[in-house]
C-alpha atoms as a PDB file:
ATOM      1  CA  UNK A   1      -0.140  -0.498   0.292  1.00  0.00           C
ATOM      2  CA  UNK A   2       1.447   3.170  -1.325  1.00  0.00           C
ATOM      3  CA  UNK A   3       1.228   5.965   1.607  1.00  0.00           C
ATOM      4  CA  UNK A   4       0.725   9.517   0.663  1.00  0.00           C
ATOM      5  CA  UNK A   5       2.260  11.947   2.783  1.00  0.00           C
ATOM      6  CA  UNK A   6       1.341  15.620   3.011  1.00  0.00           C
ATOM      7  CA  UNK A   7       4.602  17.029   2.998  1.00  0.00           C
ATOM      8  CA  UNK A   8       6.618  19.151  -0.029  1.00  0.00           C
ATOM      9  CA  UNK A   9       8.730  17.752  -2.425  1.00  0.00           C
ATOM     10  CA  UNK A  10      10.978  20.268  -3.715  1.00  0.00           C
ATOM     11  CA  UNK A  11      11.243  20.807  -6.870  1.00  0.00           C
ATOM     12  CA  UNK A  12       7.430  19.884  -7.595  1.00  0.00           C
ATOM     13  CA  UNK A  13       6.499  17.594  -9.962  1.00  0.00           C
ATOM     14  CA  UNK A  14       5.226  20.251 -12.670  1.00  0.00           C
ATOM     15  CA  UNK A  15       8.296  22.201 -12.047  1.00  0.00           C
ATOM     16  CA  UNK A  16       9.733  18.966 -13.782  1.00  0.00           C
ATOM     17  CA  UNK A  17       7.590  18.258 -15.931  1.00  0.00           C
ATOM     18  CA  UNK A  18       7.393  21.888 -18.184  1.00  0.00           C
ATOM     19  CA  UNK A  19      10.743  21.831 -18.880  1.00  0.00           C
ATOM     20  CA  UNK A  20      10.951  18.138 -19.073  1.00  0.00           C
ATOM     21  CA  UNK A  21       7.400  17.906 -21.316  1.00  0.00           C
ATOM     22  CA  UNK A  22       8.617  19.900 -24.788  1.00  0.00           C
ATOM     23  CA  UNK A  23      11.892  17.704 -25.467  1.00  0.00           C
ATOM     24  CA  UNK A  24       9.209  14.868 -25.927  1.00  0.00           C
ATOM     25  CA  UNK A  25       8.452  13.483 -29.432  1.00  0.00           C
ATOM     26  CA  UNK A  26       4.622  13.338 -28.843  1.00  0.00           C
ATOM     27  CA  UNK A  27       4.915  16.825 -27.293  1.00  0.00           C
ATOM     28  CA  UNK A  28       2.405  18.723 -29.287  1.00  0.00           C
ATOM     29  CA  UNK A  29       3.633  23.174 -30.491  1.00  0.00           C
ATOM     30  CA  UNK A  30       7.112  22.516 -29.088  1.00  0.00           C
ATOM     31  CA  UNK A  31       9.650  25.388 -28.457  1.00  0.00           C
ATOM     32  CA  UNK A  32       8.366  26.345 -25.089  1.00  0.00           C
ATOM     33  CA  UNK A  33       8.322  26.084 -21.720  1.00  0.00           C
ATOM     34  CA  UNK A  34       4.955  24.052 -21.164  1.00  0.00           C
ATOM     35  CA  UNK A  35       2.662  25.639 -18.867  1.00  0.00           C
ATOM     36  CA  UNK A  36       1.261  22.885 -16.486  1.00  0.00           C
ATOM     37  CA  UNK A  37      -1.488  22.397 -13.994  1.00  0.00           C
ATOM     38  CA  UNK A  38      -2.782  19.476 -12.700  1.00  0.00           C
ATOM     39  CA  UNK A  39      -5.478  17.519 -14.426  1.00  0.00           C
ATOM     40  CA  UNK A  40      -6.038  13.974 -12.762  1.00  0.00           C
ATOM     41  CA  UNK A  41      -4.677  10.734 -12.860  1.00  0.00           C
ATOM     42  CA  UNK A  42      -4.573   7.461 -10.312  1.00  0.00           C
ATOM     43  CA  UNK A  43      -1.740   5.626  -8.711  1.00  0.00           C
ATOM     44  CA  UNK A  44      -1.074   1.521  -8.643  1.00  0.00           C
ATOM     45  CA  UNK A  45       0.753   0.041  -5.917  1.00  0.00           C
ATOM     46  CA  UNK A  46       4.519  -1.686  -6.457  1.00  0.00           C
ATOM     47  CA  UNK A  47       3.616  -4.884  -4.255  1.00  0.00           C
ATOM     48  CA  UNK A  48       7.238  -4.781  -2.913  1.00  0.00           C
ATOM     49  CA  UNK A  49       6.949  -1.354  -1.557  1.00  0.00           C
ATOM     50  CA  UNK A  50       9.590   0.270  -3.041  1.00  0.00           C
ATOM     51  CA  UNK A  51       8.238   2.176  -6.047  1.00  0.00           C
ATOM     52  CA  UNK A  52       5.956   4.749  -6.199  1.00  0.00           C
ATOM     53  CA  UNK A  53       3.576   4.419  -9.395  1.00  0.00           C
ATOM     54  CA  UNK A  54       1.430   7.819 -10.926  1.00  0.00           C
ATOM     55  CA  UNK A  55      -0.496   7.947 -13.352  1.00  0.00           C
ATOM     56  CA  UNK A  56      -0.825  11.646 -14.106  1.00  0.00           C
ATOM     57  CA  UNK A  57      -2.594  14.372 -16.242  1.00  0.00           C
ATOM     58  CA  UNK A  58      -1.125  17.457 -16.880  1.00  0.00           C
ATOM     59  CA  UNK A  59      -2.712  20.259 -18.800  1.00  0.00           C
ATOM     60  CA  UNK A  60      -0.944  22.789 -20.901  1.00  0.00           C
ATOM     61  CA  UNK A  61      -2.064  26.054 -21.510  1.00  0.00           C
ATOM     62  CA  UNK A  62       1.290  27.742 -22.475  1.00  0.00           C
ATOM     63  CA  UNK A  63      -0.021  26.856 -26.419  1.00  0.00           C
ATOM     64  CA  UNK A  64      -2.797  28.657 -28.538  1.00  0.00           C
ATOM     65  CA  UNK A  65      -5.195  25.971 -27.142  1.00  0.00           C
ATOM     66  CA  UNK A  66      -4.864  23.647 -23.751  1.00  0.00           C
ATOM     67  CA  UNK A  67      -3.494  20.344 -24.440  1.00  0.00           C
ATOM     68  CA  UNK A  68      -3.718  17.540 -21.737  1.00  0.00           C
ATOM     69  CA  UNK A  69      -0.542  14.958 -20.942  1.00  0.00           C
ATOM     70  CA  UNK A  70      -0.579  11.891 -19.780  1.00  0.00           C
ATOM     71  CA  UNK A  71       2.655  11.081 -18.101  1.00  0.00           C
ATOM     72  CA  UNK A  72       3.497   7.969 -16.343  1.00  0.00           C
ATOM     73  CA  UNK A  73       5.548   8.112 -12.890  1.00  0.00           C
ATOM     74  CA  UNK A  74       7.793   6.408 -11.289  1.00  0.00           C
ATOM     75  CA  UNK A  75       9.615   7.330  -7.704  1.00  0.00           C
ATOM     76  CA  UNK A  76      12.558   5.225  -6.583  1.00  0.00           C
ATOM     77  CA  UNK A  77      14.694   6.094  -3.713  1.00  0.00           C
ATOM     78  CA  UNK A  78      18.364   5.340  -5.726  1.00  0.00           C
ATOM     79  CA  UNK A  79      18.904   5.332  -9.621  1.00  0.00           C
ATOM     80  CA  UNK A  80      17.631   2.943 -11.735  1.00  0.00           C
ATOM     81  CA  UNK A  81      20.242   1.465 -13.163  1.00  0.00           C
ATOM     82  CA  UNK A  82      20.468   1.742 -17.229  1.00  0.00           C
ATOM     83  CA  UNK A  83      17.844   3.738 -17.061  1.00  0.00           C
ATOM     84  CA  UNK A  84      19.217   7.697 -16.926  1.00  0.00           C
ATOM     85  CA  UNK A  85      17.757   8.651 -20.133  1.00  0.00           C
ATOM     86  CA  UNK A  86      13.989   8.235 -18.662  1.00  0.00           C
ATOM     87  CA  UNK A  87      15.369  10.205 -15.742  1.00  0.00           C
ATOM     88  CA  UNK A  88      12.696  13.137 -15.528  1.00  0.00           C
ATOM     89  CA  UNK A  89      14.900  14.524 -12.280  1.00  0.00           C
ATOM     90  CA  UNK A  90      15.540  14.637  -8.977  1.00  0.00           C
ATOM     91  CA  UNK A  91      13.344  16.334  -6.051  1.00  0.00           C
ATOM     92  CA  UNK A  92      13.643  16.540  -2.474  1.00  0.00           C
ATOM     93  CA  UNK A  93      10.417  14.511  -0.662  1.00  0.00           C
ATOM     94  CA  UNK A  94      10.143  16.368   3.051  1.00  0.00           C
ATOM     95  CA  UNK A  95       9.501  12.785   4.619  1.00  0.00           C
ATOM     96  CA  UNK A  96      11.642  10.580   2.132  1.00  0.00           C
ATOM     97  CA  UNK A  97      14.811  12.068   1.592  1.00  0.00           C
ATOM     98  CA  UNK A  98      15.855  12.367  -2.496  1.00  0.00           C
ATOM     99  CA  UNK A  99      13.959  10.742  -4.862  1.00  0.00           C
ATOM    100  CA  UNK A 100      14.968   9.490  -8.355  1.00  0.00           C
ATOM    101  CA  UNK A 101      11.740  10.149 -11.201  1.00  0.00           C
ATOM    102  CA  UNK A 102      11.184   8.630 -14.078  1.00  0.00           C
ATOM    103  CA  UNK A 103       9.188   8.587 -17.282  1.00  0.00           C
ATOM    104  CA  UNK A 104       7.020   5.324 -15.924  1.00  0.00           C
ATOM    105  CA  UNK A 105       7.063   3.929 -19.159  1.00  0.00           C
ATOM    106  CA  UNK A 106      10.658   2.982 -18.997  1.00  0.00           C
ATOM    107  CA  UNK A 107      10.398   1.439 -15.004  1.00  0.00           C
ATOM    108  CA  UNK A 108       9.862  -2.334 -14.994  1.00  0.00           C
ATOM    109  CA  UNK A 109       8.046  -2.143 -12.036  1.00  0.00           C
ATOM    110  CA  UNK A 110       5.571   0.358 -13.325  1.00  0.00           C
ATOM    111  CA  UNK A 111       5.236  -1.665 -16.235  1.00  0.00           C
ATOM    112  CA  UNK A 112       4.414  -4.753 -14.593  1.00  0.00           C
ATOM    113  CA  UNK A 113       1.933  -3.486 -12.493  1.00  0.00           C
ATOM    114  CA  UNK A 114       0.025  -1.982 -15.571  1.00  0.00           C
ATOM    115  CA  UNK A 115       0.114  -5.233 -17.175  1.00  0.00           C
ATOM    116  CA  UNK A 116      -1.371  -6.363 -13.673  1.00  0.00           C
ATOM    117  CA  UNK A 117      -4.146  -3.254 -14.057  1.00  0.00           C
ATOM    118  CA  UNK A 118      -4.975  -4.532 -17.492  1.00  0.00           C
ATOM    119  CA  UNK A 119      -5.776  -8.498 -16.127  1.00  0.00           C
ATOM    120  CA  UNK A 120      -7.663  -7.783 -13.375  1.00  0.00           C
ATOM    121  CA  UNK A 121      -4.417  -7.846 -10.664  1.00  0.00           C
ATOM    122  CA  UNK A 122      -3.911  -4.295  -9.929  1.00  0.00           C
ATOM    123  CA  UNK A 123      -6.019  -2.595  -8.103  1.00  0.00           C
ATOM    124  CA  UNK A 124      -6.253   1.939  -8.763  1.00  0.00           C
ATOM    125  CA  UNK A 125      -5.842   3.774  -6.031  1.00  0.00           C
ATOM    126  CA  UNK A 126      -6.637   7.169  -5.673  1.00  0.00           C
ATOM    127  CA  UNK A 127      -4.662   9.827  -6.646  1.00  0.00           C
ATOM    128  CA  UNK A 128      -3.691  12.138  -3.412  1.00  0.00           C
ATOM    129  CA  UNK A 129      -5.610   9.642  -0.549  1.00  0.00           C
ATOM    130  CA  UNK A 130      -3.714   6.327   1.605  1.00  0.00           C
ATOM    131  CA  UNK A 131      -5.240   3.206   0.058  1.00  0.00           C
ATOM    132  CA  UNK A 132      -8.318   4.603  -1.150  1.00  0.00           C
ATOM    133  CA  UNK A 133      -9.028   2.853  -4.398  1.00  0.00           C
ATOM    134  CA  UNK A 134     -10.287   4.468  -7.512  1.00  0.00           C
ATOM    135  CA  UNK A 135     -13.372   3.041  -8.890  1.00  0.00           C
ATOM    136  CA  UNK A 136     -13.793   5.446 -11.928  1.00  0.00           C
ATOM    137  CA  UNK A 137     -10.416   3.864 -13.355  1.00  0.00           C
ATOM    138  CA  UNK A 138     -11.815   1.109 -15.642  1.00  0.00           C
ATOM    139  CA  UNK A 139     -10.078  -1.447 -17.232  1.00  0.00           C
ATOM    140  CA  UNK A 140     -10.926  -3.798 -20.076  1.00  0.00           C
ATOM    141  CA  UNK A 141      -9.109  -7.241 -21.283  1.00  0.00           C
ATOM    142  CA  UNK A 142      -9.590 -10.486 -22.572  1.00  0.00           C
ATOM    143  CA  UNK A 143      -7.306 -12.412 -20.513  1.00  0.00           C
ATOM    144  CA  UNK A 144      -8.459 -10.897 -17.352  1.00  0.00           C
ATOM    145  CA  UNK A 145      -8.456 -13.250 -14.733  1.00  0.00           C
ATOM    146  CA  UNK A 146      -5.627 -15.411 -16.207  1.00  0.00           C
ATOM    147  CA  UNK A 147      -2.294 -14.613 -13.947  1.00  0.00           C
ATOM    148  CA  UNK A 148       0.919 -13.661 -16.506  1.00  0.00           C
ATOM    149  CA  UNK A 149       4.293 -11.783 -15.741  1.00  0.00           C
ATOM    150  CA  UNK A 150       6.328 -10.220 -18.494  1.00  0.00           C
ATOM    151  CA  UNK A 151       9.057 -11.845 -19.482  1.00  0.00           C
ATOM    152  CA  UNK A 152      10.808  -8.942 -21.909  1.00  0.00           C
ATOM    153  CA  UNK A 153       9.463  -4.800 -22.714  1.00  0.00           C
ATOM    154  CA  UNK A 154      10.626  -2.788 -25.274  1.00  0.00           C
ATOM    155  CA  UNK A 155       9.624   0.750 -25.083  1.00  0.00           C
ATOM    156  CA  UNK A 156       9.329   3.024 -28.002  1.00  0.00           C
ATOM    157  CA  UNK A 157       8.579   6.847 -27.921  1.00  0.00           C
ATOM    158  CA  UNK A 158       6.476   7.861 -31.079  1.00  0.00           C
ATOM    159  CA  UNK A 159       4.380  10.826 -31.942  1.00  0.00           C
ATOM    160  CA  UNK A 160       1.485   9.627 -30.501  1.00  0.00           C
ATOM    161  CA  UNK A 161       2.123   7.822 -27.778  1.00  0.00           C
ATOM    162  CA  UNK A 162       4.755   5.161 -26.109  1.00  0.00           C
ATOM    163  CA  UNK A 163       4.916   1.507 -27.474  1.00  0.00           C
ATOM    164  CA  UNK A 164       5.040  -1.225 -24.800  1.00  0.00           C
ATOM    165  CA  UNK A 165       6.120  -3.732 -26.319  1.00  0.00           C
ATOM    166  CA  UNK A 166       5.316  -6.954 -23.671  1.00  0.00           C
ATOM    167  CA  UNK A 167       6.537 -10.528 -24.171  1.00  0.00           C
ATOM    168  CA  UNK A 168       3.895 -12.675 -21.436  1.00  0.00           C
ATOM    169  CA  UNK A 169       5.693 -15.371 -20.155  1.00  0.00           C
ATOM    170  CA  UNK A 170       2.595 -17.943 -21.119  1.00  0.00           C
ATOM    171  CA  UNK A 171       2.073 -16.030 -24.095  1.00  0.00           C
ATOM    172  CA  UNK A 172       4.125 -17.357 -27.463  1.00  0.00           C
ATOM    173  CA  UNK A 173       3.232 -13.939 -29.003  1.00  0.00           C
ATOM    174  CA  UNK A 174       3.944 -10.414 -28.320  1.00  0.00           C
ATOM    175  CA  UNK A 175       1.198  -7.316 -27.036  1.00  0.00           C
ATOM    176  CA  UNK A 176       1.264  -3.759 -27.681  1.00  0.00           C
ATOM    177  CA  UNK A 177       0.501  -1.688 -24.886  1.00  0.00           C
ATOM    178  CA  UNK A 178      -0.147   1.991 -26.445  1.00  0.00           C
ATOM    179  CA  UNK A 179       0.396   4.373 -23.773  1.00  0.00           C
ATOM    180  CA  UNK A 180      -1.710   7.595 -24.739  1.00  0.00           C
ATOM    181  CA  UNK A 181       0.551  10.780 -24.185  1.00  0.00           C
ATOM    182  CA  UNK A 182      -2.088  13.026 -25.550  1.00  0.00           C
ATOM    183  CA  UNK A 183      -5.574  12.351 -23.491  1.00  0.00           C
ATOM    184  CA  UNK A 184      -8.256  12.962 -25.211  1.00  0.00           C
ATOM    185  CA  UNK A 185     -12.181  12.688 -24.289  1.00  0.00           C
ATOM    186  CA  UNK A 186     -13.483   9.774 -26.816  1.00  0.00           C
ATOM    187  CA  UNK A 187     -14.623   6.223 -27.437  1.00  0.00           C
ATOM    188  CA  UNK A 188     -11.564   4.055 -26.787  1.00  0.00           C
ATOM    189  CA  UNK A 189     -12.767   2.999 -30.662  1.00  0.00           C
ATOM    190  CA  UNK A 190     -12.317   5.812 -32.089  1.00  0.00           C
ATOM    191  CA  UNK A 191      -9.559   7.434 -30.465  1.00  0.00           C
ATOM    192  CA  UNK A 192      -7.198   4.907 -30.998  1.00  0.00           C
ATOM    193  CA  UNK A 193      -8.424   3.885 -34.955  1.00  0.00           C
ATOM    194  CA  UNK A 194      -7.959   7.954 -35.298  1.00  0.00           C
ATOM    195  CA  UNK A 195      -3.957   7.341 -35.095  1.00  0.00           C
ATOM    196  CA  UNK A 196      -3.410   3.755 -35.532  1.00  0.00           C
ATOM    197  CA  UNK A 197      -4.992   1.027 -37.392  1.00  0.00           C
ATOM    198  CA  UNK A 198      -4.633  -2.127 -35.268  1.00  0.00           C
ATOM    199  CA  UNK A 199      -7.088  -3.973 -33.099  1.00  0.00           C
ATOM    200  CA  UNK A 200      -8.245  -3.013 -30.155  1.00  0.00           C
ATOM    201  CA  UNK A 201      -7.929  -5.610 -27.326  1.00  0.00           C
ATOM    202  CA  UNK A 202      -7.899  -3.647 -24.573  1.00  0.00           C
ATOM    203  CA  UNK A 203      -7.729  -0.615 -22.672  1.00  0.00           C
ATOM    204  CA  UNK A 204      -7.373   0.935 -19.013  1.00  0.00           C
ATOM    205  CA  UNK A 205      -9.477   4.269 -18.782  1.00  0.00           C
ATOM    206  CA  UNK A 206      -9.613   7.124 -16.237  1.00  0.00           C
ATOM    207  CA  UNK A 207     -10.869  10.642 -15.328  1.00  0.00           C
ATOM    208  CA  UNK A 208      -9.884  13.741 -16.227  1.00  0.00           C
ATOM    209  CA  UNK A 209     -11.075  17.637 -15.284  1.00  0.00           C
ATOM    210  CA  UNK A 210     -10.969  20.223 -18.450  1.00  0.00           C
ATOM    211  CA  UNK A 211      -9.960  23.525 -17.786  1.00  0.00           C
ATOM    212  CA  UNK A 212     -13.254  25.001 -16.909  1.00  0.00           C
ATOM    213  CA  UNK A 213     -13.315  22.541 -14.690  1.00  0.00           C
ATOM    214  CA  UNK A 214     -15.522  20.237 -16.304  1.00  0.00           C
ATOM    215  CA  UNK A 215     -14.849  16.415 -15.676  1.00  0.00           C
ATOM    216  CA  UNK A 216     -14.301  13.805 -18.512  1.00  0.00           C
ATOM    217  CA  UNK A 217     -12.379  10.829 -19.171  1.00  0.00           C
ATOM    218  CA  UNK A 218     -10.763   8.310 -21.989  1.00  0.00           C
ATOM    219  CA  UNK A 219      -8.101   5.586 -22.569  1.00  0.00           C
ATOM    220  CA  UNK A 220      -5.432   7.059 -20.723  1.00  0.00           C
ATOM    221  CA  UNK A 221      -4.100   3.529 -22.472  1.00  0.00           C
ATOM    222  CA  UNK A 222      -5.013   0.419 -24.546  1.00  0.00           C
ATOM    223  CA  UNK A 223      -3.505  -3.229 -26.158  1.00  0.00           C
ATOM    224  CA  UNK A 224      -3.254  -3.673 -29.199  1.00  0.00           C
END
Protein backbone atom coordinates (compact mmCIF):
# COMPACT_ATOMS: atom_id res chain seq x y z
CA UNK A 1 0.00 0.00 0.00
CA UNK A 2 1.44 3.36 -1.06
CA UNK A 3 1.31 6.00 1.66
CA UNK A 4 0.54 9.55 0.52
CA UNK A 5 2.61 11.93 2.65
CA UNK A 6 1.36 15.48 3.24
CA UNK A 7 4.72 17.12 2.80
CA UNK A 8 6.89 19.07 0.38
CA UNK A 9 8.56 17.96 -2.84
CA UNK A 10 11.29 20.32 -4.05
CA UNK A 11 11.33 20.93 -6.95
CA UNK A 12 7.72 19.92 -7.51
CA UNK A 13 6.50 17.51 -10.16
CA UNK A 14 4.94 20.21 -12.34
CA UNK A 15 8.15 22.22 -12.21
CA UNK A 16 10.19 19.24 -13.40
CA UNK A 17 7.70 18.33 -16.11
CA UNK A 18 7.50 21.90 -17.47
CA UNK A 19 11.02 21.66 -18.86
CA UNK A 20 10.95 17.92 -19.65
CA UNK A 21 7.70 17.71 -21.65
CA UNK A 22 8.64 19.96 -24.61
CA UNK A 23 11.62 17.71 -25.44
CA UNK A 24 9.43 14.62 -25.98
CA UNK A 25 8.55 13.33 -29.46
CA UNK A 26 4.82 13.31 -28.69
CA UNK A 27 4.69 16.88 -27.34
CA UNK A 28 2.60 19.23 -29.48
CA UNK A 29 3.50 22.87 -30.17
CA UNK A 30 7.17 22.53 -29.23
CA UNK A 31 9.59 25.38 -28.74
CA UNK A 32 8.33 26.81 -25.47
CA UNK A 33 8.34 25.81 -21.82
CA UNK A 34 5.10 24.17 -20.79
CA UNK A 35 2.73 25.94 -18.38
CA UNK A 36 1.14 23.10 -16.45
CA UNK A 37 -1.72 22.43 -14.08
CA UNK A 38 -2.66 19.11 -12.53
CA UNK A 39 -5.68 17.56 -14.27
CA UNK A 40 -6.08 14.13 -12.67
CA UNK A 41 -4.76 10.60 -12.64
CA UNK A 42 -4.45 7.58 -10.37
CA UNK A 43 -1.87 5.38 -8.66
CA UNK A 44 -0.95 1.71 -8.48
CA UNK A 45 0.83 -0.06 -5.65
CA UNK A 46 4.19 -1.73 -6.03
CA UNK A 47 3.78 -5.18 -4.39
CA UNK A 48 7.29 -4.80 -2.95
CA UNK A 49 6.54 -1.35 -1.53
CA UNK A 50 9.69 0.19 -3.03
CA UNK A 51 8.58 2.15 -6.08
CA UNK A 52 5.93 4.87 -6.22
CA UNK A 53 3.69 4.54 -9.29
CA UNK A 54 1.50 7.37 -10.59
CA UNK A 55 -0.36 7.91 -13.85
CA UNK A 56 -0.57 11.69 -13.99
CA UNK A 57 -2.63 13.94 -16.26
CA UNK A 58 -1.37 17.50 -16.68
CA UNK A 59 -2.83 20.29 -18.80
CA UNK A 60 -0.49 22.58 -20.72
CA UNK A 61 -1.84 26.06 -21.37
CA UNK A 62 1.28 27.57 -22.92
CA UNK A 63 0.01 27.34 -26.51
CA UNK A 64 -2.99 28.53 -28.46
CA UNK A 65 -5.13 25.72 -27.04
CA UNK A 66 -5.07 23.68 -23.84
CA UNK A 67 -3.68 20.17 -24.22
CA UNK A 68 -3.80 17.46 -21.56
CA UNK A 69 -0.87 15.06 -21.43
CA UNK A 70 -0.56 11.70 -19.70
CA UNK A 71 2.76 11.07 -17.95
CA UNK A 72 3.26 7.80 -16.04
CA UNK A 73 5.73 8.51 -13.24
CA UNK A 74 7.80 6.22 -11.05
CA UNK A 75 9.46 7.40 -7.84
CA UNK A 76 12.54 5.64 -6.50
CA UNK A 77 14.83 6.04 -3.52
CA UNK A 78 17.90 5.29 -5.66
CA UNK A 79 18.74 5.52 -9.38
CA UNK A 80 17.28 2.88 -11.69
CA UNK A 81 20.26 1.20 -13.43
CA UNK A 82 20.34 1.78 -17.17
CA UNK A 83 17.52 4.33 -17.14
CA UNK A 84 19.38 7.65 -17.21
CA UNK A 85 17.66 8.48 -20.51
CA UNK A 86 14.26 8.24 -18.78
CA UNK A 87 15.11 10.35 -15.73
CA UNK A 88 12.83 13.38 -15.46
CA UNK A 89 14.73 14.74 -12.47
CA UNK A 90 15.44 14.39 -8.77
CA UNK A 91 13.51 16.01 -5.97
CA UNK A 92 13.78 16.30 -2.21
CA UNK A 93 10.84 14.72 -0.41
CA UNK A 94 10.09 16.14 3.03
CA UNK A 95 9.76 12.66 4.56
CA UNK A 96 11.51 10.19 2.25
CA UNK A 97 14.50 12.30 1.21
CA UNK A 98 15.86 12.37 -2.31
CA UNK A 99 13.63 10.78 -4.93
CA UNK A 100 14.57 9.87 -8.49
CA UNK A 101 11.58 10.53 -10.76
CA UNK A 102 11.36 8.63 -14.05
CA UNK A 103 9.21 8.47 -17.12
CA UNK A 104 7.49 5.33 -15.88
CA UNK A 105 7.13 3.73 -19.30
CA UNK A 106 10.83 2.87 -18.95
CA UNK A 107 10.46 1.47 -15.42
CA UNK A 108 9.87 -2.30 -15.35
CA UNK A 109 7.96 -2.11 -12.06
CA UNK A 110 5.43 0.37 -13.44
CA UNK A 111 5.02 -1.58 -16.70
CA UNK A 112 4.46 -4.82 -14.79
CA UNK A 113 1.77 -3.22 -12.63
CA UNK A 114 0.08 -1.65 -15.65
CA UNK A 115 -0.11 -5.14 -17.16
CA UNK A 116 -1.44 -6.46 -13.84
CA UNK A 117 -4.13 -3.76 -13.90
CA UNK A 118 -5.23 -4.94 -17.36
CA UNK A 119 -5.37 -8.52 -16.08
CA UNK A 120 -7.49 -7.49 -13.10
CA UNK A 121 -4.69 -8.28 -10.65
CA UNK A 122 -3.96 -4.71 -9.51
CA UNK A 123 -6.47 -2.29 -8.02
CA UNK A 124 -6.27 1.36 -9.08
CA UNK A 125 -5.79 3.74 -6.17
CA UNK A 126 -6.82 7.36 -5.63
CA UNK A 127 -4.12 9.76 -6.71
CA UNK A 128 -3.88 11.75 -3.47
CA UNK A 129 -5.44 9.60 -0.70
CA UNK A 130 -3.77 6.68 1.09
CA UNK A 131 -5.34 3.20 0.80
CA UNK A 132 -8.38 4.37 -1.19
CA UNK A 133 -9.40 2.50 -4.35
CA UNK A 134 -10.47 4.57 -7.35
CA UNK A 135 -13.47 2.81 -8.95
CA UNK A 136 -13.64 5.40 -11.73
CA UNK A 137 -10.55 3.79 -13.32
CA UNK A 138 -11.67 0.89 -15.50
CA UNK A 139 -9.63 -1.75 -17.28
CA UNK A 140 -10.71 -4.30 -19.87
CA UNK A 141 -8.68 -7.07 -21.45
CA UNK A 142 -9.86 -10.50 -22.72
CA UNK A 143 -7.11 -12.25 -20.74
CA UNK A 144 -8.26 -10.72 -17.44
CA UNK A 145 -8.28 -13.28 -14.67
CA UNK A 146 -5.37 -15.24 -16.14
CA UNK A 147 -2.25 -14.71 -14.05
CA UNK A 148 0.79 -13.81 -16.10
CA UNK A 149 4.05 -11.93 -15.87
CA UNK A 150 6.17 -10.08 -18.44
CA UNK A 151 9.42 -11.64 -19.58
CA UNK A 152 10.59 -8.71 -21.75
CA UNK A 153 9.65 -5.12 -22.64
CA UNK A 154 10.64 -2.94 -25.60
CA UNK A 155 9.79 0.78 -25.38
CA UNK A 156 9.29 3.07 -28.39
CA UNK A 157 8.32 6.73 -28.21
CA UNK A 158 6.52 8.05 -31.27
CA UNK A 159 4.54 11.12 -32.32
CA UNK A 160 1.27 9.75 -30.94
CA UNK A 161 2.37 8.01 -27.75
CA UNK A 162 4.64 5.39 -26.24
CA UNK A 163 4.41 1.77 -27.34
CA UNK A 164 5.32 -0.92 -24.81
CA UNK A 165 5.89 -4.18 -26.68
CA UNK A 166 5.64 -6.79 -23.98
CA UNK A 167 6.20 -10.53 -24.04
CA UNK A 168 3.87 -12.21 -21.53
CA UNK A 169 5.58 -15.25 -20.07
CA UNK A 170 2.46 -17.38 -20.59
CA UNK A 171 1.95 -16.40 -24.24
CA UNK A 172 3.69 -17.18 -27.51
CA UNK A 173 2.92 -13.77 -28.99
CA UNK A 174 3.77 -10.19 -28.17
CA UNK A 175 1.30 -7.51 -27.12
CA UNK A 176 1.63 -3.78 -27.60
CA UNK A 177 0.39 -1.49 -24.84
CA UNK A 178 0.01 1.96 -26.36
CA UNK A 179 0.33 4.60 -23.63
CA UNK A 180 -1.66 7.55 -24.93
CA UNK A 181 0.30 10.73 -24.23
CA UNK A 182 -2.30 13.25 -25.43
CA UNK A 183 -5.58 12.56 -23.63
CA UNK A 184 -8.74 12.97 -25.68
CA UNK A 185 -12.31 12.62 -24.36
CA UNK A 186 -13.41 10.10 -26.95
CA UNK A 187 -14.54 6.52 -27.07
CA UNK A 188 -11.73 3.96 -26.91
CA UNK A 189 -12.36 2.84 -30.50
CA UNK A 190 -12.39 6.27 -32.12
CA UNK A 191 -9.54 7.66 -30.03
CA UNK A 192 -7.31 4.77 -31.03
CA UNK A 193 -8.26 4.02 -34.62
CA UNK A 194 -7.98 7.67 -35.56
CA UNK A 195 -4.18 7.40 -35.34
CA UNK A 196 -3.40 3.68 -35.15
CA UNK A 197 -5.41 1.07 -37.09
CA UNK A 198 -4.40 -2.06 -35.17
CA UNK A 199 -7.25 -3.95 -33.45
CA UNK A 200 -7.87 -2.81 -29.89
CA UNK A 201 -7.86 -5.74 -27.45
CA UNK A 202 -8.17 -3.82 -24.18
CA UNK A 203 -7.88 -0.49 -22.49
CA UNK A 204 -7.39 1.47 -19.27
CA UNK A 205 -9.82 4.38 -19.03
CA UNK A 206 -9.88 7.11 -16.39
CA UNK A 207 -11.08 10.63 -15.65
CA UNK A 208 -9.39 14.00 -15.90
CA UNK A 209 -10.49 17.62 -15.62
CA UNK A 210 -10.84 20.04 -18.52
CA UNK A 211 -9.61 23.63 -18.00
CA UNK A 212 -13.18 24.79 -17.24
CA UNK A 213 -13.45 22.25 -14.40
CA UNK A 214 -15.62 19.80 -16.35
CA UNK A 215 -14.81 16.15 -15.73
CA UNK A 216 -14.24 13.97 -18.77
CA UNK A 217 -12.72 10.54 -19.38
CA UNK A 218 -10.98 8.56 -22.03
CA UNK A 219 -8.31 5.91 -22.66
CA UNK A 220 -4.99 6.39 -20.86
CA UNK A 221 -3.70 3.20 -22.53
CA UNK A 222 -4.91 0.62 -25.04
CA UNK A 223 -3.75 -2.92 -25.84
CA UNK A 224 -3.11 -4.08 -29.39
